[in-house]
Amino acid sequence: MGKFDRRKSQKMKRRKAQVKKKEKLARRRNPTGKKPAAKKTSAKKEKAAPKG
């Protein structure tokens, strides 16, 4: 048994997954007034004036 084995067990993985699943569902059910971030678009590069 290593020092961190208790956290790597299959049982723990299942429990953590279940918690994450529930949190996700709760968030979806009642969004806390937090507006979704606007989609990030890379700043469009200005076209340089054609040389010549």
Protein backbone atom coordinates (compact mmCIF):
# COMPACT_ATOMS: atom_id res chain seq x y z
CA MET A 1 0.00 0.00 0.00
CA GLY A 2 1.47 3.28 -1.07
CA LYS A 3 0.95 6.58 0.63
CA PHE A 4 -1.72 7.75 -1.82
CA ASP A 5 -3.41 4.45 -2.62
CA ARG A 6 -6.58 5.22 -0.74
CA ARG A 7 -7.33 8.02 -3.18
CA LYS A 8 -6.61 5.96 -6.26
CA SER A 9 -9.00 3.14 -5.45
CA GLN A 10 -11.82 2.29 -7.83
CA LYS A 11 -14.30 3.07 -5.05
CA MET A 12 -12.95 6.60 -4.69
CA LYS A 13 -13.04 7.12 -8.45
CA ARG A 14 -16.69 6.12 -8.51
CA ARG A 15 -17.54 8.40 -5.61
CA LYS A 16 -15.74 11.36 -7.13
CA ALA A 17 -17.41 10.76 -10.49
CA GLN A 18 -20.81 10.65 -8.81
CA VAL A 19 -20.16 13.93 -7.01
CA LYS A 20 -19.06 15.62 -10.23
CA LYS A 21 -22.13 14.30 -12.02
CA LYS A 22 -24.45 15.66 -9.35
CA GLU A 23 -22.72 19.05 -9.33
CA LYS A 24 -23.04 19.27 -13.09
CA LEU A 25 -26.74 18.44 -12.96
CA ALA A 26 -27.34 20.97 -10.20
CA ARG A 27 -25.55 23.66 -12.18
CA ARG A 28 -27.63 22.88 -15.25
CA ARG A 29 -30.85 22.97 -13.23
CA ASN A 30 -30.35 26.36 -11.62
CA PRO A 31 -27.73 28.61 -13.17
CA THR A 32 -26.54 31.04 -10.51
CA GLY A 33 -27.13 34.19 -12.50
CA LYS A 34 -23.72 33.75 -14.03
CA LYS A 35 -23.92 34.67 -17.69
CA PRO A 36 -22.03 32.34 -20.01
CA ALA A 37 -18.81 33.90 -21.18
CA ALA A 38 -18.98 35.37 -24.66
CA LYS A 39 -17.33 33.12 -27.19
CA LYS A 40 -13.72 34.11 -27.46
CA THR A 41 -12.77 35.03 -30.99
CA SER A 42 -9.24 35.86 -31.91
CA ALA A 43 -8.85 39.52 -32.77
CA LYS A 44 -9.04 39.82 -36.51
CA LYS A 45 -5.74 40.93 -37.93
CA GLU A 46 -5.88 44.14 -39.92
CA LYS A 47 -4.85 43.55 -43.49
CA ALA A 48 -1.66 45.40 -44.20
CA ALA A 49 -1.76 47.85 -47.09
CA PRO A 50 -0.49 46.12 -50.23
CA LYS A 51 3.09 47.01 -50.99
CA GLY A 52 3.96 48.70 -54.30
